[in-house]
Amino acid sequence: MATLAELCLSFVKVGGKFICMKGNNIDEVEEGKKAIEVLGGKIETIEKLSLPVIDAARDGDSNIERNIIIIRKIKNTPKEYPRKAGTPAKNPIK
């Protein structure tokens, strides 16, 4: 989440929203909270979705869980972000 936030939130204007879809496990959102704050964002809401399975070959559960994370940009991102390509993934903001 920290890498995704750095690559995207830097380009959202103050007052705007960054909306992303993540899988069922949203532990990485907790890990990315510091990065979101540093980049000028604040998590507004996390909404759980249940998507129907359309693959006939898939057995078991008939739904797939996803989460929509809505982040509001509340202040400008510091000028040093986003960093060079590859850096956010190798060295995420902690």
PDB file of N, CA and C in Angstrom:
ATOM      1  N   MET A   1       0.820  -1.189   0.000  1.00  0.00           N
ATOM      2  CA  MET A   1       0.000   0.000   0.000  1.00  0.00           C
ATOM      3  C   MET A   1       0.869   1.260   0.000  1.00  0.00           C
ATOM      4  N   ALA A   2       2.005   1.192   0.709  1.00  0.00           N
ATOM      5  CA  ALA A   2       2.892   2.358   0.752  1.00  0.00           C
ATOM      6  C   ALA A   2       3.415   2.695  -0.641  1.00  0.00           C
ATOM      7  N   THR A   3       3.795   1.677  -1.405  1.00  0.00           N
ATOM      8  CA  THR A   3       4.301   1.895  -2.758  1.00  0.00           C
ATOM      9  C   THR A   3       3.206   2.441  -3.666  1.00  0.00           C
ATOM     10  N   LEU A   4       2.034   1.847  -3.598  1.00  0.00           N
ATOM     11  CA  LEU A   4       0.907   2.303  -4.415  1.00  0.00           C
ATOM     12  C   LEU A   4       0.546   3.746  -4.082  1.00  0.00           C
ATOM     13  N   ALA A   5       0.520   4.070  -2.802  1.00  0.00           N
ATOM     14  CA  ALA A   5       0.201   5.438  -2.378  1.00  0.00           C
ATOM     15  C   ALA A   5       1.227   6.422  -2.911  1.00  0.00           C
ATOM     16  N   GLU A   6       2.503   6.066  -2.825  1.00  0.00           N
ATOM     17  CA  GLU A   6       3.538   6.991  -3.315  1.00  0.00           C
ATOM     18  C   GLU A   6       3.429   7.212  -4.813  1.00  0.00           C
ATOM     19  N   LEU A   7       3.141   6.160  -5.544  1.00  0.00           N
ATOM     20  CA  LEU A   7       3.068   6.289  -6.999  1.00  0.00           C
ATOM     21  C   LEU A   7       1.817   7.029  -7.469  1.00  0.00           C
ATOM     22  N   CYS A   8       0.751   7.006  -6.675  1.00  0.00           N
ATOM     23  CA  CYS A   8      -0.516   7.602  -7.121  1.00  0.00           C
ATOM     24  C   CYS A   8      -0.908   8.866  -6.363  1.00  0.00           C
ATOM     25  N   LEU A   9      -0.797   8.846  -5.050  1.00  0.00           N
ATOM     26  CA  LEU A   9      -1.282   9.958  -4.234  1.00  0.00           C
ATOM     27  C   LEU A   9      -0.530  11.250  -4.515  1.00  0.00           C
ATOM     28  N   SER A  10       0.702  11.145  -4.975  1.00  0.00           N
ATOM     29  CA  SER A  10       1.497  12.325  -5.313  1.00  0.00           C
ATOM     30  C   SER A  10       0.846  13.161  -6.413  1.00  0.00           C
ATOM     31  N   PHE A  11       0.013  12.544  -7.230  1.00  0.00           N
ATOM     32  CA  PHE A  11      -0.586  13.234  -8.370  1.00  0.00           C
ATOM     33  C   PHE A  11      -2.038  13.663  -8.140  1.00  0.00           C
ATOM     34  N   VAL A  12      -2.546  13.441  -6.929  1.00  0.00           N
ATOM     35  CA  VAL A  12      -3.911  13.849  -6.582  1.00  0.00           C
ATOM     36  C   VAL A  12      -3.853  15.258  -6.018  1.00  0.00           C
ATOM     37  N   LYS A  13      -4.775  16.126  -6.438  1.00  0.00           N
ATOM     38  CA  LYS A  13      -4.769  17.492  -5.907  1.00  0.00           C
ATOM     39  C   LYS A  13      -5.394  17.507  -4.511  1.00  0.00           C
ATOM     40  N   VAL A  14      -5.032  18.519  -3.726  1.00  0.00           N
ATOM     41  CA  VAL A  14      -5.582  18.657  -2.379  1.00  0.00           C
ATOM     42  C   VAL A  14      -7.101  18.784  -2.480  1.00  0.00           C
ATOM     43  N   GLY A  15      -7.808  18.002  -1.683  1.00  0.00           N
ATOM     44  CA  GLY A  15      -9.268  17.951  -1.731  1.00  0.00           C
ATOM     45  C   GLY A  15      -9.789  16.815  -2.594  1.00  0.00           C
ATOM     46  N   GLY A  16      -8.894  16.231  -3.403  1.00  0.00           N
ATOM     47  CA  GLY A  16      -9.285  15.124  -4.265  1.00  0.00           C
ATOM     48  C   GLY A  16      -9.201  13.795  -3.531  1.00  0.00           C
ATOM     49  N   LYS A  17      -9.562  12.737  -4.230  1.00  0.00           N
ATOM     50  CA  LYS A  17      -9.565  11.403  -3.639  1.00  0.00           C
ATOM     51  C   LYS A  17      -8.766  10.435  -4.494  1.00  0.00           C
ATOM     52  N   PHE A  18      -8.099   9.524  -3.816  1.00  0.00           N
ATOM     53  CA  PHE A  18      -7.400   8.401  -4.441  1.00  0.00           C
ATOM     54  C   PHE A  18      -8.170   7.157  -4.018  1.00  0.00           C
ATOM     55  N   ILE A  19      -8.675   6.422  -4.985  1.00  0.00           N
ATOM     56  CA  ILE A  19      -9.498   5.241  -4.712  1.00  0.00           C
ATOM     57  C   ILE A  19      -8.785   4.026  -5.292  1.00  0.00           C
ATOM     58  N   CYS A  20      -8.573   3.022  -4.450  1.00  0.00           N
ATOM     59  CA  CYS A  20      -7.920   1.810  -4.945  1.00  0.00           C
ATOM     60  C   CYS A  20      -8.654   0.578  -4.437  1.00  0.00           C
ATOM     61  N   MET A  21      -8.524  -0.495  -5.189  1.00  0.00           N
ATOM     62  CA  MET A  21      -9.142  -1.760  -4.801  1.00  0.00           C
ATOM     63  C   MET A  21      -8.030  -2.717  -4.376  1.00  0.00           C
ATOM     64  N   LYS A  22      -8.220  -3.325  -3.230  1.00  0.00           N
ATOM     65  CA  LYS A  22      -7.279  -4.297  -2.702  1.00  0.00           C
ATOM     66  C   LYS A  22      -8.027  -5.601  -2.460  1.00  0.00           C
ATOM     67  N   GLY A  23      -7.295  -6.657  -2.220  1.00  0.00           N
ATOM     68  CA  GLY A  23      -7.883  -7.974  -1.979  1.00  0.00           C
ATOM     69  C   GLY A  23      -8.536  -8.072  -0.613  1.00  0.00           C
ATOM     70  N   ASN A  24      -8.830  -9.279  -0.229  1.00  0.00           N
ATOM     71  CA  ASN A  24      -9.513  -9.552   1.034  1.00  0.00           C
ATOM     72  C   ASN A  24      -8.658  -9.184   2.242  1.00  0.00           C
ATOM     73  N   ASN A  25      -7.357  -9.421   2.160  1.00  0.00           N
ATOM     74  CA  ASN A  25      -6.447  -9.144   3.269  1.00  0.00           C
ATOM     75  C   ASN A  25      -5.964  -7.699   3.182  1.00  0.00           C
ATOM     76  N   ILE A  26      -6.398  -6.864   4.102  1.00  0.00           N
ATOM     77  CA  ILE A  26      -6.010  -5.456   4.037  1.00  0.00           C
ATOM     78  C   ILE A  26      -5.014  -5.082   5.137  1.00  0.00           C
ATOM     79  N   ASP A  27      -4.225  -6.062   5.601  1.00  0.00           N
ATOM     80  CA  ASP A  27      -3.182  -5.774   6.591  1.00  0.00           C
ATOM     81  C   ASP A  27      -2.204  -4.730   6.072  1.00  0.00           C
ATOM     82  N   GLU A  28      -1.966  -4.745   4.772  1.00  0.00           N
ATOM     83  CA  GLU A  28      -1.016  -3.797   4.194  1.00  0.00           C
ATOM     84  C   GLU A  28      -1.502  -2.356   4.305  1.00  0.00           C
ATOM     85  N   VAL A  29      -2.798  -2.146   4.504  1.00  0.00           N
ATOM     86  CA  VAL A  29      -3.310  -0.787   4.690  1.00  0.00           C
ATOM     87  C   VAL A  29      -2.760  -0.224   5.997  1.00  0.00           C
ATOM     88  N   GLU A  30      -2.752  -1.035   7.042  1.00  0.00           N
ATOM     89  CA  GLU A  30      -2.174  -0.607   8.329  1.00  0.00           C
ATOM     90  C   GLU A  30      -0.703  -0.257   8.152  1.00  0.00           C
ATOM     91  N   GLU A  31       0.026  -1.081   7.413  1.00  0.00           N
ATOM     92  CA  GLU A  31       1.445  -0.854   7.177  1.00  0.00           C
ATOM     93  C   GLU A  31       1.689   0.399   6.336  1.00  0.00           C
ATOM     94  N   GLY A  32       0.721   0.778   5.499  1.00  0.00           N
ATOM     95  CA  GLY A  32       0.868   1.929   4.620  1.00  0.00           C
ATOM     96  C   GLY A  32       0.354   3.232   5.186  1.00  0.00           C
ATOM     97  N   LYS A  33      -0.212   3.219   6.393  1.00  0.00           N
ATOM     98  CA  LYS A  33      -0.792   4.443   6.961  1.00  0.00           C
ATOM     99  C   LYS A  33       0.227   5.568   7.106  1.00  0.00           C
ATOM    100  N   LYS A  34       1.438   5.238   7.515  1.00  0.00           N
ATOM    101  CA  LYS A  34       2.486   6.255   7.673  1.00  0.00           C
ATOM    102  C   LYS A  34       2.797   6.901   6.332  1.00  0.00           C
ATOM    103  N   ALA A  35       2.925   6.092   5.287  1.00  0.00           N
ATOM    104  CA  ALA A  35       3.211   6.627   3.955  1.00  0.00           C
ATOM    105  C   ALA A  35       2.077   7.524   3.480  1.00  0.00           C
ATOM    106  N   ILE A  36       0.848   7.101   3.707  1.00  0.00           N
ATOM    107  CA  ILE A  36      -0.310   7.899   3.293  1.00  0.00           C
ATOM    108  C   ILE A  36      -0.284   9.253   3.983  1.00  0.00           C
ATOM    109  N   GLU A  37       0.038   9.252   5.269  1.00  0.00           N
ATOM    110  CA  GLU A  37       0.110  10.503   6.033  1.00  0.00           C
ATOM    111  C   GLU A  37       1.227  11.407   5.518  1.00  0.00           C
ATOM    112  N   VAL A  38       2.421  10.842   5.302  1.00  0.00           N
ATOM    113  CA  VAL A  38       3.568  11.608   4.801  1.00  0.00           C
ATOM    114  C   VAL A  38       3.247  12.226   3.442  1.00  0.00           C
ATOM    115  N   LEU A  39       2.517  11.508   2.614  1.00  0.00           N
ATOM    116  CA  LEU A  39       2.201  11.966   1.258  1.00  0.00           C
ATOM    117  C   LEU A  39       1.021  12.931   1.216  1.00  0.00           C
ATOM    118  N   GLY A  40       0.422  13.228   2.375  1.00  0.00           N
ATOM    119  CA  GLY A  40      -0.648  14.221   2.440  1.00  0.00           C
ATOM    120  C   GLY A  40      -2.045  13.644   2.395  1.00  0.00           C
ATOM    121  N   GLY A  41      -2.181  12.352   2.597  1.00  0.00           N
ATOM    122  CA  GLY A  41      -3.499  11.721   2.530  1.00  0.00           C
ATOM    123  C   GLY A  41      -4.024  11.296   3.884  1.00  0.00           C
ATOM    124  N   LYS A  42      -5.289  10.978   3.901  1.00  0.00           N
ATOM    125  CA  LYS A  42      -5.948  10.449   5.093  1.00  0.00           C
ATOM    126  C   LYS A  42      -6.982   9.431   4.628  1.00  0.00           C
ATOM    127  N   ILE A  43      -6.948   8.237   5.223  1.00  0.00           N
ATOM    128  CA  ILE A  43      -7.928   7.218   4.842  1.00  0.00           C
ATOM    129  C   ILE A  43      -9.301   7.697   5.280  1.00  0.00           C
ATOM    130  N   GLU A  44     -10.191   7.816   4.315  1.00  0.00           N
ATOM    131  CA  GLU A  44     -11.553   8.284   4.588  1.00  0.00           C
ATOM    132  C   GLU A  44     -12.468   7.116   4.918  1.00  0.00           C
ATOM    133  N   THR A  45     -12.366   6.052   4.132  1.00  0.00           N
ATOM    134  CA  THR A  45     -13.215   4.882   4.372  1.00  0.00           C
ATOM    135  C   THR A  45     -12.640   3.652   3.682  1.00  0.00           C
ATOM    136  N   ILE A  46     -13.002   2.502   4.214  1.00  0.00           N
ATOM    137  CA  ILE A  46     -12.683   1.222   3.595  1.00  0.00           C
ATOM    138  C   ILE A  46     -13.995   0.474   3.465  1.00  0.00           C
ATOM    139  N   GLU A  47     -14.359   0.149   2.237  1.00  0.00           N
ATOM    140  CA  GLU A  47     -15.626  -0.533   1.984  1.00  0.00           C
ATOM    141  C   GLU A  47     -15.372  -1.938   1.461  1.00  0.00           C
ATOM    142  N   LYS A  48     -15.999  -2.906   2.069  1.00  0.00           N
ATOM    143  CA  LYS A  48     -15.858  -4.313   1.670  1.00  0.00           C
ATOM    144  C   LYS A  48     -16.858  -4.621   0.555  1.00  0.00           C
ATOM    145  N   LEU A  49     -16.375  -5.301  -0.478  1.00  0.00           N
ATOM    146  CA  LEU A  49     -17.218  -5.715  -1.594  1.00  0.00           C
ATOM    147  C   LEU A  49     -17.173  -7.225  -1.734  1.00  0.00           C
ATOM    148  N   SER A  50     -18.232  -7.778  -2.229  1.00  0.00           N
ATOM    149  CA  SER A  50     -18.285  -9.196  -2.527  1.00  0.00           C
ATOM    150  C   SER A  50     -18.614  -9.326  -4.014  1.00  0.00           C
ATOM    151  N   LEU A  51     -17.636  -9.772  -4.784  1.00  0.00           N
ATOM    152  CA  LEU A  51     -17.805  -9.913  -6.228  1.00  0.00           C
ATOM    153  C   LEU A  51     -18.193 -11.340  -6.570  1.00  0.00           C
ATOM    154  N   PRO A  52     -19.129 -11.529  -7.484  1.00  0.00           N
ATOM    155  CA  PRO A  52     -19.500 -12.890  -7.868  1.00  0.00           C
ATOM    156  C   PRO A  52     -18.391 -13.546  -8.682  1.00  0.00           C
ATOM    157  N   VAL A  53     -18.251 -14.835  -8.514  1.00  0.00           N
ATOM    158  CA  VAL A  53     -17.276 -15.602  -9.289  1.00  0.00           C
ATOM    159  C   VAL A  53     -17.905 -15.920 -10.643  1.00  0.00           C
ATOM    160  N   ILE A  54     -17.193 -15.609 -11.717  1.00  0.00           N
ATOM    161  CA  ILE A  54     -17.740 -15.876 -13.046  1.00  0.00           C
ATOM    162  C   ILE A  54     -16.999 -17.012 -13.750  1.00  0.00           C
ATOM    163  N   ASP A  55     -15.952 -17.515 -13.120  1.00  0.00           N
ATOM    164  CA  ASP A  55     -15.168 -18.612 -13.693  1.00  0.00           C
ATOM    165  C   ASP A  55     -15.811 -19.941 -13.304  1.00  0.00           C
ATOM    166  N   ALA A  56     -16.365 -20.649 -14.279  1.00  0.00           N
ATOM    167  CA  ALA A  56     -17.063 -21.915 -14.025  1.00  0.00           C
ATOM    168  C   ALA A  56     -16.122 -22.992 -13.485  1.00  0.00           C
ATOM    169  N   ALA A  57     -14.822 -22.862 -13.756  1.00  0.00           N
ATOM    170  CA  ALA A  57     -13.859 -23.868 -13.308  1.00  0.00           C
ATOM    171  C   ALA A  57     -13.493 -23.692 -11.832  1.00  0.00           C
ATOM    172  N   ARG A  58     -13.828 -22.567 -11.252  1.00  0.00           N
ATOM    173  CA  ARG A  58     -13.464 -22.302  -9.860  1.00  0.00           C
ATOM    174  C   ARG A  58     -14.440 -23.009  -8.919  1.00  0.00           C
ATOM    175  N   ASP A  59     -13.922 -23.771  -8.001  1.00  0.00           N
ATOM    176  CA  ASP A  59     -14.750 -24.488  -7.031  1.00  0.00           C
ATOM    177  C   ASP A  59     -14.799 -23.713  -5.724  1.00  0.00           C
ATOM    178  N   GLY A  60     -15.736 -24.067  -4.876  1.00  0.00           N
ATOM    179  CA  GLY A  60     -15.783 -23.498  -3.526  1.00  0.00           C
ATOM    180  C   GLY A  60     -16.638 -22.260  -3.451  1.00  0.00           C
ATOM    181  N   ASP A  61     -16.099 -21.226  -2.828  1.00  0.00           N
ATOM    182  CA  ASP A  61     -16.839 -20.000  -2.545  1.00  0.00           C
ATOM    183  C   ASP A  61     -17.384 -19.378  -3.830  1.00  0.00           C
ATOM    184  N   SER A  62     -18.612 -18.895  -3.761  1.00  0.00           N
ATOM    185  CA  SER A  62     -19.239 -18.304  -4.937  1.00  0.00           C
ATOM    186  C   SER A  62     -19.007 -16.790  -5.019  1.00  0.00           C
ATOM    187  N   ASN A  63     -18.290 -16.226  -4.068  1.00  0.00           N
ATOM    188  CA  ASN A  63     -17.982 -14.799  -4.073  1.00  0.00           C
ATOM    189  C   ASN A  63     -16.502 -14.568  -3.789  1.00  0.00           C
ATOM    190  N   ILE A  64     -16.012 -13.455  -4.272  1.00  0.00           N
ATOM    191  CA  ILE A  64     -14.641 -13.042  -4.022  1.00  0.00           C
ATOM    192  C   ILE A  64     -14.712 -11.739  -3.228  1.00  0.00           C
ATOM    193  N   GLU A  65     -13.989 -11.674  -2.115  1.00  0.00           N
ATOM    194  CA  GLU A  65     -13.983 -10.469  -1.283  1.00  0.00           C
ATOM    195  C   GLU A  65     -12.926  -9.488  -1.772  1.00  0.00           C
ATOM    196  N   ARG A  66     -13.290  -8.238  -1.842  1.00  0.00           N
ATOM    197  CA  ARG A  66     -12.388  -7.140  -2.192  1.00  0.00           C
ATOM    198  C   ARG A  66     -12.676  -5.974  -1.265  1.00  0.00           C
ATOM    199  N   ASN A  67     -11.735  -5.046  -1.182  1.00  0.00           N
ATOM    200  CA  ASN A  67     -11.903  -3.839  -0.378  1.00  0.00           C
ATOM    201  C   ASN A  67     -11.584  -2.624  -1.225  1.00  0.00           C
ATOM    202  N   ILE A  68     -12.419  -1.623  -1.125  1.00  0.00           N
ATOM    203  CA  ILE A  68     -12.189  -0.345  -1.784  1.00  0.00           C
ATOM    204  C   ILE A  68     -11.696   0.615  -0.706  1.00  0.00           C
ATOM    205  N   ILE A  69     -10.510   1.186  -0.913  1.00  0.00           N
ATOM    206  CA  ILE A  69      -9.945   2.127   0.044  1.00  0.00           C
ATOM    207  C   ILE A  69     -10.031   3.509  -0.577  1.00  0.00           C
ATOM    208  N   ILE A  70     -10.676   4.426   0.143  1.00  0.00           N
ATOM    209  CA  ILE A  70     -10.831   5.797  -0.326  1.00  0.00           C
ATOM    210  C   ILE A  70      -9.957   6.685   0.548  1.00  0.00           C
ATOM    211  N   ILE A  71      -9.008   7.371  -0.091  1.00  0.00           N
ATOM    212  CA  ILE A  71      -8.062   8.236   0.608  1.00  0.00           C
ATOM    213  C   ILE A  71      -8.277   9.662   0.117  1.00  0.00           C
ATOM    214  N   ARG A  72      -8.514  10.568   1.056  1.00  0.00           N
ATOM    215  CA  ARG A  72      -8.680  11.989   0.716  1.00  0.00           C
ATOM    216  C   ARG A  72      -7.327  12.679   0.861  1.00  0.00           C
ATOM    217  N   LYS A  73      -6.983  13.510  -0.115  1.00  0.00           N
ATOM    218  CA  LYS A  73      -5.741  14.287  -0.071  1.00  0.00           C
ATOM    219  C   LYS A  73      -6.029  15.542   0.732  1.00  0.00           C
ATOM    220  N   ILE A  74      -5.387  15.683   1.898  1.00  0.00           N
ATOM    221  CA  ILE A  74      -5.684  16.803   2.788  1.00  0.00           C
ATOM    222  C   ILE A  74      -4.595  17.872   2.800  1.00  0.00           C
ATOM    223  N   LYS A  75      -3.408  17.536   2.281  1.00  0.00           N
ATOM    224  CA  LYS A  75      -2.332  18.529   2.188  1.00  0.00           C
ATOM    225  C   LYS A  75      -1.400  18.156   1.045  1.00  0.00           C
ATOM    226  N   ASN A  76      -0.576  19.096   0.633  1.00  0.00           N
ATOM    227  CA  ASN A  76       0.337  18.858  -0.473  1.00  0.00           C
ATOM    228  C   ASN A  76       1.368  17.792  -0.124  1.00  0.00           C
ATOM    229  N   THR A  77       1.764  17.039  -1.125  1.00  0.00           N
ATOM    230  CA  THR A  77       2.811  16.036  -0.982  1.00  0.00           C
ATOM    231  C   THR A  77       4.163  16.743  -0.974  1.00  0.00           C
ATOM    232  N   PRO A  78       5.081  16.357  -0.071  1.00  0.00           N
ATOM    233  CA  PRO A  78       6.418  16.960  -0.090  1.00  0.00           C
ATOM    234  C   PRO A  78       7.064  16.806  -1.466  1.00  0.00           C
ATOM    235  N   LYS A  79       7.897  17.789  -1.824  1.00  0.00           N
ATOM    236  CA  LYS A  79       8.481  17.839  -3.164  1.00  0.00           C
ATOM    237  C   LYS A  79       9.377  16.650  -3.505  1.00  0.00           C
ATOM    238  N   GLU A  80       9.903  15.951  -2.500  1.00  0.00           N
ATOM    239  CA  GLU A  80      10.792  14.814  -2.796  1.00  0.00           C
ATOM    240  C   GLU A  80      10.049  13.564  -3.248  1.00  0.00           C
ATOM    241  N   TYR A  81       8.726  13.605  -3.279  1.00  0.00           N
ATOM    242  CA  TYR A  81       7.911  12.463  -3.710  1.00  0.00           C
ATOM    243  C   TYR A  81       7.165  12.811  -4.982  1.00  0.00           C
ATOM    244  N   PRO A  82       6.939  11.860  -5.857  1.00  0.00           N
ATOM    245  CA  PRO A  82       7.402  10.477  -5.831  1.00  0.00           C
ATOM    246  C   PRO A  82       8.889  10.401  -6.138  1.00  0.00           C
ATOM    247  N   ARG A  83       9.531   9.387  -5.580  1.00  0.00           N
ATOM    248  CA  ARG A  83      10.950   9.166  -5.811  1.00  0.00           C
ATOM    249  C   ARG A  83      11.162   8.462  -7.156  1.00  0.00           C
ATOM    250  N   LYS A  84      12.416   8.268  -7.527  1.00  0.00           N
ATOM    251  CA  LYS A  84      12.758   7.627  -8.805  1.00  0.00           C
ATOM    252  C   LYS A  84      12.105   6.253  -8.925  1.00  0.00           C
ATOM    253  N   ALA A  85      11.871   5.843 -10.158  1.00  0.00           N
ATOM    254  CA  ALA A  85      11.259   4.534 -10.436  1.00  0.00           C
ATOM    255  C   ALA A  85      12.020   3.419  -9.740  1.00  0.00           C
ATOM    256  N   GLY A  86      11.279   2.524  -9.098  1.00  0.00           N
ATOM    257  CA  GLY A  86      11.868   1.389  -8.412  1.00  0.00           C
ATOM    258  C   GLY A  86      12.154   1.639  -6.928  1.00  0.00           C
ATOM    259  N   THR A  87      12.420   2.888  -6.564  1.00  0.00           N
ATOM    260  CA  THR A  87      12.745   3.209  -5.172  1.00  0.00           C
ATOM    261  C   THR A  87      11.581   2.959  -4.229  1.00  0.00           C
ATOM    262  N   PRO A  88      10.334   3.365  -4.566  1.00  0.00           N
ATOM    263  CA  PRO A  88       9.231   3.119  -3.631  1.00  0.00           C
ATOM    264  C   PRO A  88       9.016   1.634  -3.306  1.00  0.00           C
ATOM    265  N   ALA A  89       9.230   0.769  -4.258  1.00  0.00           N
ATOM    266  CA  ALA A  89       9.057  -0.666  -4.019  1.00  0.00           C
ATOM    267  C   ALA A  89      10.217  -1.244  -3.208  1.00  0.00           C
ATOM    268  N   LYS A  90      11.441  -0.775  -3.475  1.00  0.00           N
ATOM    269  CA  LYS A  90      12.609  -1.285  -2.756  1.00  0.00           C
ATOM    270  C   LYS A  90      12.723  -0.729  -1.350  1.00  0.00           C
ATOM    271  N   ASN A  91      12.303   0.508  -1.177  1.00  0.00           N
ATOM    272  CA  ASN A  91      12.445   1.189   0.096  1.00  0.00           C
ATOM    273  C   ASN A  91      11.168   1.978   0.412  1.00  0.00           C
ATOM    274  N   PRO A  92      10.075   1.280   0.762  1.00  0.00           N
ATOM    275  CA  PRO A  92       8.817   1.988   1.018  1.00  0.00           C
ATOM    276  C   PRO A  92       8.888   2.892   2.244  1.00  0.00           C
ATOM    277  N   ILE A  93       8.065   3.913   2.254  1.00  0.00           N
ATOM    278  CA  ILE A  93       7.988   4.832   3.395  1.00  0.00           C
ATOM    279  C   ILE A  93       7.444   4.042   4.588  1.00  0.00           C
ATOM    280  N   LYS A  94       8.134   4.149   5.731  1.00  0.00           N
ATOM    281  CA  LYS A  94       7.704   3.441   6.941  1.00  0.00           C
ATOM    282  C   LYS A  94       7.531   4.401   8.084  1.00  0.00           C
TER     283      LYS A  94
END
